[in-house]
PDB file of N, CA and C in Angstrom:
ATOM      1  N   MET A   1     140.613 103.558  88.181  1.00  0.00           N
ATOM      2  CA  MET A   1     140.631 104.118  89.518  1.00  0.00           C
ATOM      3  C   MET A   1     139.288 104.798  89.782  1.00  0.00           C
ATOM      4  N   ARG A   2     138.794 104.647  90.976  1.00  0.00           N
ATOM      5  CA  ARG A   2     137.511 105.220  91.353  1.00  0.00           C
ATOM      6  C   ARG A   2     137.694 106.670  91.793  1.00  0.00           C
ATOM      7  N   GLN A   3     136.787 107.542  91.339  1.00  0.00           N
ATOM      8  CA  GLN A   3     136.863 108.949  91.704  1.00  0.00           C
ATOM      9  C   GLN A   3     136.212 109.172  93.059  1.00  0.00           C
ATOM     10  N   SER A   4     136.742 110.141  93.786  1.00  0.00           N
ATOM     11  CA  SER A   4     136.141 110.443  95.086  1.00  0.00           C
ATOM     12  C   SER A   4     134.899 111.315  94.887  1.00  0.00           C
ATOM     13  N   VAL A   5     134.016 111.275  95.867  1.00  0.00           N
ATOM     14  CA  VAL A   5     132.777 112.044  95.802  1.00  0.00           C
ATOM     15  C   VAL A   5     133.107 113.511  96.046  1.00  0.00           C
ATOM     16  N   ALA A   6     132.603 114.394  95.180  1.00  0.00           N
ATOM     17  CA  ALA A   6     132.880 115.821  95.307  1.00  0.00           C
ATOM     18  C   ALA A   6     132.162 116.423  96.508  1.00  0.00           C
ATOM     19  N   ASN A   7     130.909 116.033  96.726  1.00  0.00           N
ATOM     20  CA  ASN A   7     130.122 116.550  97.842  1.00  0.00           C
ATOM     21  C   ASN A   7     129.800 115.413  98.794  1.00  0.00           C
ATOM     22  N   PRO A   8     130.194 115.525 100.058  1.00  0.00           N
ATOM     23  CA  PRO A   8     129.838 114.470 101.017  1.00  0.00           C
ATOM     24  C   PRO A   8     128.334 114.493 101.288  1.00  0.00           C
ATOM     25  N   ASN A   9     127.805 113.375 101.766  1.00  0.00           N
ATOM     26  CA  ASN A   9     126.387 113.295 102.103  1.00  0.00           C
ATOM     27  C   ASN A   9     126.050 114.279 103.208  1.00  0.00           C
ATOM     28  N   SER A  10     124.890 114.877 103.115  1.00  0.00           N
ATOM     29  CA  SER A  10     124.447 115.844 104.101  1.00  0.00           C
ATOM     30  C   SER A  10     123.916 115.133 105.343  1.00  0.00           C
ATOM     31  N   GLY A  11     124.065 115.754 106.487  1.00  0.00           N
ATOM     32  CA  GLY A  11     123.509 115.232 107.722  1.00  0.00           C
ATOM     33  C   GLY A  11     122.084 115.704 107.962  1.00  0.00           C
ATOM     34  N   LEU A  12     121.562 116.552 107.050  1.00  0.00           N
ATOM     35  CA  LEU A  12     120.200 117.064 107.190  1.00  0.00           C
ATOM     36  C   LEU A  12     119.176 116.050 106.715  1.00  0.00           C
ATOM     37  N   PRO A  13     117.970 116.081 107.243  1.00  0.00           N
ATOM     38  CA  PRO A  13     116.918 115.183 106.759  1.00  0.00           C
ATOM     39  C   PRO A  13     116.629 115.448 105.284  1.00  0.00           C
ATOM     40  N   SER A  14     116.243 114.402 104.556  1.00  0.00           N
ATOM     41  CA  SER A  14     115.984 114.562 103.136  1.00  0.00           C
ATOM     42  C   SER A  14     114.647 115.233 102.873  1.00  0.00           C
ATOM     43  N   LEU A  15     113.749 115.240 103.861  1.00  0.00           N
ATOM     44  CA  LEU A  15     112.445 115.852 103.677  1.00  0.00           C
ATOM     45  C   LEU A  15     112.071 116.612 104.938  1.00  0.00           C
ATOM     46  N   MET A  16     111.829 117.905 104.802  1.00  0.00           N
ATOM     47  CA  MET A  16     111.380 118.713 105.929  1.00  0.00           C
ATOM     48  C   MET A  16     110.091 119.390 105.501  1.00  0.00           C
ATOM     49  N   MET A  17     108.983 119.008 106.140  1.00  0.00           N
ATOM     50  CA  MET A  17     107.688 119.572 105.792  1.00  0.00           C
ATOM     51  C   MET A  17     107.312 120.650 106.802  1.00  0.00           C
ATOM     52  N   PRO A  18     106.867 121.814 106.319  1.00  0.00           N
ATOM     53  CA  PRO A  18     106.378 122.834 107.256  1.00  0.00           C
ATOM     54  C   PRO A  18     104.941 122.536 107.669  1.00  0.00           C
ATOM     55  N   CYS A  19     104.594 122.892 108.871  1.00  0.00           N
ATOM     56  CA  CYS A  19     103.226 122.719 109.377  1.00  0.00           C
ATOM     57  C   CYS A  19     102.300 123.664 108.624  1.00  0.00           C
ATOM     58  N   PRO A  20     101.144 123.176 108.150  1.00  0.00           N
ATOM     59  CA  PRO A  20     100.216 124.059 107.452  1.00  0.00           C
ATOM     60  C   PRO A  20      99.554 125.079 108.377  1.00  0.00           C
ATOM     61  N   ALA A  21      99.582 124.847 109.683  1.00  0.00           N
ATOM     62  CA  ALA A  21      98.929 125.759 110.623  1.00  0.00           C
ATOM     63  C   ALA A  21      99.874 126.852 111.136  1.00  0.00           C
ATOM     64  N   CYS A  22     101.095 126.467 111.543  1.00  0.00           N
ATOM     65  CA  CYS A  22     101.992 127.456 112.172  1.00  0.00           C
ATOM     66  C   CYS A  22     103.365 127.545 111.506  1.00  0.00           C
ATOM     67  N   ALA A  23     103.610 126.757 110.455  1.00  0.00           N
ATOM     68  CA  ALA A  23     104.890 126.723 109.726  1.00  0.00           C
ATOM     69  C   ALA A  23     106.024 126.137 110.560  1.00  0.00           C
ATOM     70  N   GLY A  24     105.685 125.434 111.658  1.00  0.00           N
ATOM     71  CA  GLY A  24     106.699 124.741 112.442  1.00  0.00           C
ATOM     72  C   GLY A  24     107.136 123.469 111.719  1.00  0.00           C
ATOM     73  N   ARG A  25     108.014 122.701 112.329  1.00  0.00           N
ATOM     74  CA  ARG A  25     108.552 121.499 111.705  1.00  0.00           C
ATOM     75  C   ARG A  25     107.684 120.288 112.013  1.00  0.00           C
ATOM     76  N   MET A  26     107.325 119.547 110.962  1.00  0.00           N
ATOM     77  CA  MET A  26     106.555 118.320 111.112  1.00  0.00           C
ATOM     78  C   MET A  26     107.529 117.159 111.317  1.00  0.00           C
ATOM     79  N   VAL A  27     107.187 116.238 112.224  1.00  0.00           N
ATOM     80  CA  VAL A  27     108.012 115.063 112.483  1.00  0.00           C
ATOM     81  C   VAL A  27     107.163 113.803 112.323  1.00  0.00           C
ATOM     82  N   TYR A  28     107.826 112.696 111.993  1.00  0.00           N
ATOM     83  CA  TYR A  28     107.150 111.409 111.831  1.00  0.00           C
ATOM     84  C   TYR A  28     106.495 111.018 113.144  1.00  0.00           C
ATOM     85  N   HIS A  29     105.221 110.621 113.080  1.00  0.00           N
ATOM     86  CA  HIS A  29     104.486 110.265 114.292  1.00  0.00           C
ATOM     87  C   HIS A  29     104.060 108.804 114.303  1.00  0.00           C
ATOM     88  N   GLY A  30     103.876 108.206 113.133  1.00  0.00           N
ATOM     89  CA  GLY A  30     103.489 106.807 113.096  1.00  0.00           C
ATOM     90  C   GLY A  30     102.903 106.409 111.764  1.00  0.00           C
ATOM     91  N   ARG A  31     102.546 105.131 111.680  1.00  0.00           N
ATOM     92  CA  ARG A  31     101.974 104.565 110.464  1.00  0.00           C
ATOM     93  C   ARG A  31     100.801 103.686 110.851  1.00  0.00           C
ATOM     94  N   ARG A  32      99.732 103.739 110.065  1.00  0.00           N
ATOM     95  CA  ARG A  32      98.594 102.861 110.336  1.00  0.00           C
ATOM     96  C   ARG A  32      98.061 102.306 109.023  1.00  0.00           C
ATOM     97  N   ILE A  33      97.603 101.060 109.082  1.00  0.00           N
ATOM     98  CA  ILE A  33      97.093 100.378 107.903  1.00  0.00           C
ATOM     99  C   ILE A  33      95.624 100.752 107.719  1.00  0.00           C
ATOM    100  N   VAL A  34      95.274 101.173 106.504  1.00  0.00           N
ATOM    101  CA  VAL A  34      93.911 101.585 106.204  1.00  0.00           C
ATOM    102  C   VAL A  34      93.162 100.441 105.529  1.00  0.00           C
ATOM    103  N   ALA A  35      93.799  99.788 104.575  1.00  0.00           N
ATOM    104  CA  ALA A  35      93.215  98.665 103.836  1.00  0.00           C
ATOM    105  C   ALA A  35      94.356  97.710 103.497  1.00  0.00           C
ATOM    106  N   ALA A  36      94.016  96.625 102.823  1.00  0.00           N
ATOM    107  CA  ALA A  36      95.033  95.630 102.492  1.00  0.00           C
ATOM    108  C   ALA A  36      96.171  96.218 101.665  1.00  0.00           C
ATOM    109  N   ASP A  37      95.863  97.218 100.841  1.00  0.00           N
ATOM    110  CA  ASP A  37      96.898  97.781  99.976  1.00  0.00           C
ATOM    111  C   ASP A  37      97.173  99.266 100.236  1.00  0.00           C
ATOM    112  N   LEU A  38      96.614  99.846 101.308  1.00  0.00           N
ATOM    113  CA  LEU A  38      96.826 101.258 101.634  1.00  0.00           C
ATOM    114  C   LEU A  38      97.308 101.417 103.067  1.00  0.00           C
ATOM    115  N   GLU A  39      98.134 102.455 103.293  1.00  0.00           N
ATOM    116  CA  GLU A  39      98.571 102.784 104.643  1.00  0.00           C
ATOM    117  C   GLU A  39      98.662 104.297 104.785  1.00  0.00           C
ATOM    118  N   ASP A  40      98.433 104.781 105.993  1.00  0.00           N
ATOM    119  CA  ASP A  40      98.559 106.198 106.309  1.00  0.00           C
ATOM    120  C   ASP A  40      99.857 106.404 107.064  1.00  0.00           C
ATOM    121  N   THR A  41     100.616 107.422 106.675  1.00  0.00           N
ATOM    122  CA  THR A  41     101.784 107.854 107.421  1.00  0.00           C
ATOM    123  C   THR A  41     101.395 109.167 108.077  1.00  0.00           C
ATOM    124  N   VAL A  42     101.573 109.254 109.395  1.00  0.00           N
ATOM    125  CA  VAL A  42     101.132 110.418 110.150  1.00  0.00           C
ATOM    126  C   VAL A  42     102.345 111.226 110.593  1.00  0.00           C
ATOM    127  N   TYR A  43     102.270 112.548 110.344  1.00  0.00           N
ATOM    128  CA  TYR A  43     103.292 113.490 110.791  1.00  0.00           C
ATOM    129  C   TYR A  43     102.619 114.465 111.743  1.00  0.00           C
ATOM    130  N   ALA A  44     103.320 114.900 112.793  1.00  0.00           N
ATOM    131  CA  ALA A  44     102.753 115.839 113.765  1.00  0.00           C
ATOM    132  C   ALA A  44     103.698 117.033 113.917  1.00  0.00           C
ATOM    133  N   CYS A  45     103.124 118.199 114.199  1.00  0.00           N
ATOM    134  CA  CYS A  45     103.901 119.420 114.378  1.00  0.00           C
ATOM    135  C   CYS A  45     104.457 119.459 115.801  1.00  0.00           C
ATOM    136  N   ARG A  46     105.712 119.829 115.927  1.00  0.00           N
ATOM    137  CA  ARG A  46     106.326 119.944 117.253  1.00  0.00           C
ATOM    138  C   ARG A  46     105.785 121.140 118.027  1.00  0.00           C
ATOM    139  N   ASN A  47     105.382 122.190 117.308  1.00  0.00           N
ATOM    140  CA  ASN A  47     104.929 123.417 117.977  1.00  0.00           C
ATOM    141  C   ASN A  47     103.467 123.354 118.405  1.00  0.00           C
ATOM    142  N   CYS A  48     102.567 123.115 117.462  1.00  0.00           N
ATOM    143  CA  CYS A  48     101.135 123.234 117.767  1.00  0.00           C
ATOM    144  C   CYS A  48     100.396 121.900 117.853  1.00  0.00           C
ATOM    145  N   GLY A  49     101.031 120.795 117.444  1.00  0.00           N
ATOM    146  CA  GLY A  49     100.403 119.487 117.553  1.00  0.00           C
ATOM    147  C   GLY A  49      99.509 119.106 116.383  1.00  0.00           C
ATOM    148  N   ALA A  50      99.440 119.942 115.346  1.00  0.00           N
ATOM    149  CA  ALA A  50      98.625 119.613 114.176  1.00  0.00           C
ATOM    150  C   ALA A  50      99.160 118.343 113.512  1.00  0.00           C
ATOM    151  N   GLU A  51      98.268 117.560 112.926  1.00  0.00           N
ATOM    152  CA  GLU A  51      98.673 116.326 112.251  1.00  0.00           C
ATOM    153  C   GLU A  51      98.459 116.425 110.753  1.00  0.00           C
ATOM    154  N   LEU A  52      99.342 115.783 110.006  1.00  0.00           N
ATOM    155  CA  LEU A  52      99.240 115.688 108.561  1.00  0.00           C
ATOM    156  C   LEU A  52      99.276 114.203 108.230  1.00  0.00           C
ATOM    157  N   VAL A  53      98.291 113.724 107.458  1.00  0.00           N
ATOM    158  CA  VAL A  53      98.192 112.307 107.125  1.00  0.00           C
ATOM    159  C   VAL A  53      98.463 112.135 105.638  1.00  0.00           C
ATOM    160  N   ARG A  54      99.384 111.247 105.308  1.00  0.00           N
ATOM    161  CA  ARG A  54      99.731 110.957 103.914  1.00  0.00           C
ATOM    162  C   ARG A  54      99.345 109.513 103.635  1.00  0.00           C
ATOM    163  N   THR A  55      98.403 109.295 102.725  1.00  0.00           N
ATOM    164  CA  THR A  55      97.961 107.951 102.364  1.00  0.00           C
ATOM    165  C   THR A  55      98.743 107.484 101.149  1.00  0.00           C
ATOM    166  N   SER A  56      99.250 106.253 101.210  1.00  0.00           N
ATOM    167  CA  SER A  56     100.030 105.714 100.098  1.00  0.00           C
ATOM    168  C   SER A  56      99.746 104.229  99.927  1.00  0.00           C
ATOM    169  N   VAL A  57     100.140 103.709  98.780  1.00  0.00           N
ATOM    170  CA  VAL A  57      99.982 102.293  98.478  1.00  0.00           C
ATOM    171  C   VAL A  57     101.076 101.529  99.212  1.00  0.00           C
ATOM    172  N   ARG A  58     100.687 100.461  99.889  1.00  0.00           N
ATOM    173  CA  ARG A  58     101.672  99.647 100.614  1.00  0.00           C
ATOM    174  C   ARG A  58     102.536  98.891  99.632  1.00  0.00           C
ATOM    175  N   SER A  59     103.798  98.762  99.942  1.00  0.00           N
ATOM    176  CA  SER A  59     104.706  98.003  99.086  1.00  0.00           C
ATOM    177  C   SER A  59     104.543  96.511  99.367  1.00  0.00           C
ATOM    178  N   ALA A  60     104.907  95.694  98.394  1.00  0.00           N
ATOM    179  CA  ALA A  60     104.806  94.240  98.550  1.00  0.00           C
ATOM    180  C   ALA A  60     105.795  93.777  99.611  1.00  0.00           C
ATOM    181  N   LYS A  61     105.419  92.765 100.343  1.00  0.00           N
ATOM    182  CA  LYS A  61     106.297  92.228 101.376  1.00  0.00           C
ATOM    183  C   LYS A  61     107.467  91.496 100.722  1.00  0.00           C
ATOM    184  N   PRO A  62     108.689  91.600 101.294  1.00  0.00           N
ATOM    185  CA  PRO A  62     109.825  90.893 100.715  1.00  0.00           C
ATOM    186  C   PRO A  62     109.587  89.387 100.723  1.00  0.00           C
ATOM    187  N   GLY A  63     109.962  88.741  99.652  1.00  0.00           N
ATOM    188  CA  GLY A  63     109.819  87.299  99.555  1.00  0.00           C
ATOM    189  C   GLY A  63     108.490  86.866  98.961  1.00  0.00           C
ATOM    190  N   LYS A  64     107.544  87.763  98.845  1.00  0.00           N
ATOM    191  CA  LYS A  64     106.260  87.438  98.247  1.00  0.00           C
ATOM    192  C   LYS A  64     106.307  87.804  96.779  1.00  0.00           C
ATOM    193  N   ALA A  65     106.016  86.843  95.936  1.00  0.00           N
ATOM    194  CA  ALA A  65     106.030  87.095  94.501  1.00  0.00           C
ATOM    195  C   ALA A  65     104.700  87.688  94.077  1.00  0.00           C
ATOM    196  N   LYS A  66     104.745  88.661  93.189  1.00  0.00           N
ATOM    197  CA  LYS A  66     103.529  89.232  92.657  1.00  0.00           C
ATOM    198  C   LYS A  66     102.965  88.276  91.615  1.00  0.00           C
ATOM    199  N   PRO A  67     101.640  88.113  91.544  1.00  0.00           N
ATOM    200  CA  PRO A  67     101.080  87.224  90.532  1.00  0.00           C
ATOM    201  C   PRO A  67     101.346  87.765  89.136  1.00  0.00           C
ATOM    202  N   ALA A  68     101.637  86.846  88.220  1.00  0.00           N
ATOM    203  CA  ALA A  68     101.914  87.239  86.841  1.00  0.00           C
ATOM    204  C   ALA A  68     100.619  87.665  86.169  1.00  0.00           C
ATOM    205  N   ALA A  69     100.703  88.661  85.311  1.00  0.00           N
ATOM    206  CA  ALA A  69      99.533  89.136  84.588  1.00  0.00           C
ATOM    207  C   ALA A  69      99.179  88.140  83.502  1.00  0.00           C
ATOM    208  N   ALA A  70      97.885  87.930  83.319  1.00  0.00           N
ATOM    209  CA  ALA A  70      97.435  86.999  82.284  1.00  0.00           C
ATOM    210  C   ALA A  70      97.685  87.612  80.904  1.00  0.00           C
ATOM    211  N   ALA A  71      98.207  86.794  80.024  1.00  0.00           N
ATOM    212  CA  ALA A  71      98.530  87.324  78.689  1.00  0.00           C
ATOM    213  C   ALA A  71      97.408  87.092  77.723  1.00  0.00           C
TER     214      ALA A  71
END
């Protein structure tokens, strides 16, 4: 028999970043491609409009196989 979950899932966002300028709430603003393997995710403050840019490695596209490493 399967056990029930003790704590239900929260309705709160999993990540809440404070604004470095005014400590307001940062919200997702968009994504832009920097290079073939890098992308910037942009967050903006609701209060003062400050932006925070997070650069990360782009994930592989679904259905595209990664080349095998030479042994």
